[in-house]
Protein backbone atom coordinates (compact mmCIF):
# COMPACT_ATOMS: atom_id res chain seq x y z
CA MET A 1 -63.81 -183.53 31.41
CA ARG A 2 -64.65 -179.93 30.99
CA PRO A 3 -62.08 -177.40 32.19
CA THR A 4 -64.67 -175.82 34.51
CA LEU A 5 -65.46 -179.14 36.14
CA ILE A 6 -61.75 -179.93 36.57
CA ALA A 7 -61.18 -176.52 38.15
CA ALA A 8 -64.13 -177.08 40.51
CA VAL A 9 -62.82 -180.51 41.57
CA ILE A 10 -59.35 -179.06 42.18
CA ALA A 11 -60.83 -176.20 44.20
CA VAL A 12 -62.89 -178.58 46.36
CA LEU A 13 -59.87 -180.83 46.97
CA ALA A 14 -57.69 -177.84 47.84
CA LEU A 15 -60.25 -176.57 50.33
CA ALA A 16 -60.71 -180.01 51.87
CA LEU A 17 -56.98 -180.69 52.17
CA GLY A 18 -56.25 -177.14 53.26
CA GLY A 19 -58.78 -177.49 56.06
CA CYS A 20 -56.96 -180.60 57.26
CA THR A 21 -53.75 -178.65 57.73
CA MET A 22 -55.31 -175.82 59.70
CA GLN A 23 -53.99 -175.60 63.23
CA PRO A 24 -56.46 -175.73 66.08
CA ASP A 25 -57.21 -172.40 67.73
CA SER A 26 -55.42 -172.07 71.04
CA ARG A 27 -56.84 -169.82 73.74
CA LEU A 28 -53.59 -169.67 75.73
CA ASP A 29 -53.05 -165.96 75.08
CA GLU A 30 -56.46 -164.97 76.41
CA TYR A 31 -56.16 -167.48 79.28
CA GLN A 32 -52.85 -165.88 80.28
CA VAL A 33 -54.49 -162.46 80.56
CA GLU A 34 -57.45 -163.82 82.53
CA ALA A 35 -55.29 -166.00 84.84
CA GLU A 36 -53.03 -163.06 85.68
CA ARG A 37 -56.10 -160.86 86.35
CA ILE A 38 -57.61 -163.51 88.64
CA MET A 39 -54.29 -163.81 90.51
CA ALA A 40 -54.05 -160.04 90.98
CA ASP A 41 -57.63 -159.97 92.29
CA ALA A 42 -56.92 -162.82 94.73
CA VAL A 43 -53.73 -161.19 96.04
CA ALA A 44 -55.63 -157.92 96.48
CA LEU A 45 -57.94 -159.73 98.92
CA ILE A 46 -55.05 -160.03 101.40
CA PRO A 47 -54.99 -156.98 103.68
CA GLU A 48 -51.96 -154.82 102.90
CA ASP A 49 -50.86 -154.86 106.54
CA LEU A 50 -50.31 -158.64 106.23
CA ARG A 51 -48.27 -158.57 103.00
CA THR A 52 -44.54 -157.96 102.83
CA ASP A 53 -43.13 -159.42 99.61
CA VAL A 54 -43.77 -161.74 96.68
CA VAL A 55 -41.22 -164.54 97.03
CA VAL A 56 -42.10 -166.46 93.86
CA SER A 57 -44.16 -165.35 90.87
CA GLU A 58 -44.56 -167.55 87.80
CA SER A 59 -46.90 -167.26 84.84
CA GLU A 60 -46.48 -169.87 82.14
CA PRO A 61 -48.20 -172.27 79.78
CA ARG A 62 -48.38 -175.91 80.74
CA PHE A 63 -48.65 -178.71 78.22
CA GLY A 64 -50.37 -182.04 78.69
CA PRO A 65 -48.69 -185.39 78.19
CA ILE A 66 -48.26 -186.60 74.64
CA GLU A 67 -46.60 -189.44 72.84
CA GLY A 68 -44.04 -188.40 70.27
CA ALA A 69 -43.43 -184.85 69.11
CA ALA A 70 -45.44 -181.88 70.33
CA SER A 71 -48.39 -181.05 68.12
CA PRO A 72 -50.84 -178.14 67.81
CA ASP A 73 -53.68 -180.24 69.24
CA GLN A 74 -51.72 -181.12 72.40
CA PRO A 75 -53.69 -180.21 75.57
CA ALA A 76 -52.51 -176.98 77.20
CA TRP A 77 -53.51 -174.54 79.93
CA TRP A 78 -52.15 -171.39 81.58
CA GLN A 79 -50.94 -171.47 85.15
CA VAL A 80 -50.00 -168.61 87.49
CA SER A 81 -48.36 -169.27 90.86
CA GLU A 82 -47.31 -166.86 93.60
CA ILE A 83 -45.86 -167.33 97.06
CA LEU A 84 -46.23 -164.29 99.28
CA GLN A 85 -44.18 -163.59 102.37
CA LEU A 86 -46.40 -162.24 105.13
CA VAL A 87 -45.67 -160.29 108.28
CA ASP A 88 -44.08 -162.25 111.10
CA GLU A 89 -47.22 -162.46 113.24
CA THR A 90 -49.02 -165.46 114.67
CA ASP A 91 -51.66 -166.77 112.25
CA ALA A 92 -50.80 -164.28 109.47
CA SER A 93 -50.97 -167.08 106.89
CA ALA A 94 -54.28 -168.42 108.20
CA ASP A 95 -55.69 -164.87 108.34
CA ALA A 96 -54.60 -164.15 104.75
CA ALA A 97 -56.10 -167.44 103.54
CA ALA A 98 -59.35 -166.68 105.37
CA GLU A 99 -59.57 -163.25 103.71
CA ILE A 100 -58.95 -164.78 100.28
CA SER A 101 -61.50 -167.54 100.92
CA GLU A 102 -64.14 -165.06 102.05
CA GLY A 103 -63.58 -162.83 99.01
CA LEU A 104 -63.61 -165.71 96.55
CA ALA A 105 -66.79 -167.17 98.07
CA ALA A 106 -68.47 -163.77 97.82
CA ASP A 107 -67.49 -163.73 94.14
CA GLY A 108 -69.12 -167.10 93.46
CA TRP A 109 -66.15 -169.47 93.77
CA GLU A 110 -67.00 -172.91 95.26
CA GLN A 111 -64.55 -174.00 97.95
CA SER A 112 -63.37 -177.47 98.96
CA ARG A 113 -60.51 -178.77 101.10
CA VAL A 114 -57.89 -180.21 98.76
CA ARG A 115 -55.30 -181.52 101.19
CA GLU A 116 -53.55 -181.14 104.52
CA THR A 117 -49.88 -182.07 104.68
CA GLU A 118 -47.10 -181.98 107.27
CA GLN A 119 -49.55 -183.19 109.97
CA GLY A 120 -51.93 -180.35 109.15
CA ALA A 121 -49.27 -177.65 109.07
CA ARG A 122 -49.99 -176.91 105.37
CA ILE A 123 -53.62 -176.58 104.34
CA ALA A 124 -54.70 -176.25 100.71
CA ASP A 125 -58.20 -175.22 99.69
CA GLY A 126 -59.40 -175.36 96.09
CA PHE A 127 -61.89 -172.99 94.52
CA ARG A 128 -63.77 -173.64 91.27
CA ARG A 129 -65.89 -171.36 89.18
CA ASP A 130 -67.37 -171.31 85.70
CA ILE A 131 -66.38 -168.19 83.80
CA ASP A 132 -68.10 -167.91 80.43
CA GLY A 133 -68.96 -171.61 80.62
CA GLU A 134 -65.40 -172.76 81.36
CA GLN A 135 -64.03 -174.15 84.62
CA TRP A 136 -61.29 -172.12 86.35
CA TYR A 137 -59.42 -173.24 89.46
CA ILE A 138 -57.67 -171.41 92.29
CA GLU A 139 -55.72 -173.10 95.05
CA VAL A 140 -54.83 -171.29 98.28
CA THR A 141 -52.27 -172.91 100.58
CA SER A 142 -51.64 -171.57 104.07
CA VAL A 143 -49.32 -172.69 106.84
CA THR A 144 -49.88 -172.89 110.56
CA THR A 145 -47.67 -170.75 112.74
CA ARG A 146 -44.58 -172.66 113.87
CA PRO A 147 -41.33 -171.55 115.46
CA ASP A 148 -38.64 -170.62 112.92
CA LYS A 149 -41.02 -170.96 109.95
CA ALA A 150 -42.02 -168.10 107.68
CA GLU A 151 -45.62 -166.97 107.45
CA VAL A 152 -46.45 -167.47 103.76
CA VAL A 153 -49.47 -168.04 101.59
CA GLN A 154 -49.28 -169.73 98.18
CA LEU A 155 -51.77 -169.11 95.39
CA LEU A 156 -52.22 -171.04 92.16
CA VAL A 157 -54.55 -170.14 89.28
CA VAL A 158 -55.21 -172.73 86.55
CA SER A 159 -57.10 -171.94 83.35
CA PRO A 160 -59.42 -174.31 81.52
CA THR A 161 -57.74 -176.67 79.06
CA THR A 162 -57.30 -175.59 75.46
CA VAL A 163 -54.85 -176.76 72.80
CA ARG A 164 -51.25 -175.74 72.26
CA GLY A 165 -51.92 -174.38 68.79
CA ASP A 166 -48.85 -172.56 67.50
CA ASN A 167 -47.52 -171.83 71.00
CA ASP A 168 -44.08 -173.21 71.73
CA ALA A 169 -43.99 -176.39 73.74
CA PRO A 170 -41.05 -177.29 75.94
CA SER A 171 -38.55 -179.53 74.23
């Protein structure tokens, strides 16, 4: 074989094999930024006179189930969760949830009842919206006023699914 032909074959093989080892592109970094922005916007819908404190605030990647070791093509998404303590007033949680629901609906989010637990004392509504062709999800959970129970509202933002890429997976 001619040296030029051999070099061309080697180059084609290197490109083909090199392409096989490329890691999938993860969008987790951009989803983190967008999920945290969406959460901040949702919290801002709660009137300041109802808010007192953020009890829990988490922002982290989540990884889908896999068999064996974690891999770059493992399903992944970004999730932000906050629980806010509200003023100790009757229906503060329901009022906060209603304000969030109204604001999200005005912004194009589609609402549906997700679940009611504790005999209707905890009510979760889900909101879905396409952003740049990808499905985002927000869940708003409120509680009914009960003696000796805190008035809280819980928010959850879930990004579309991407792949883990080179992000660290839990061990």
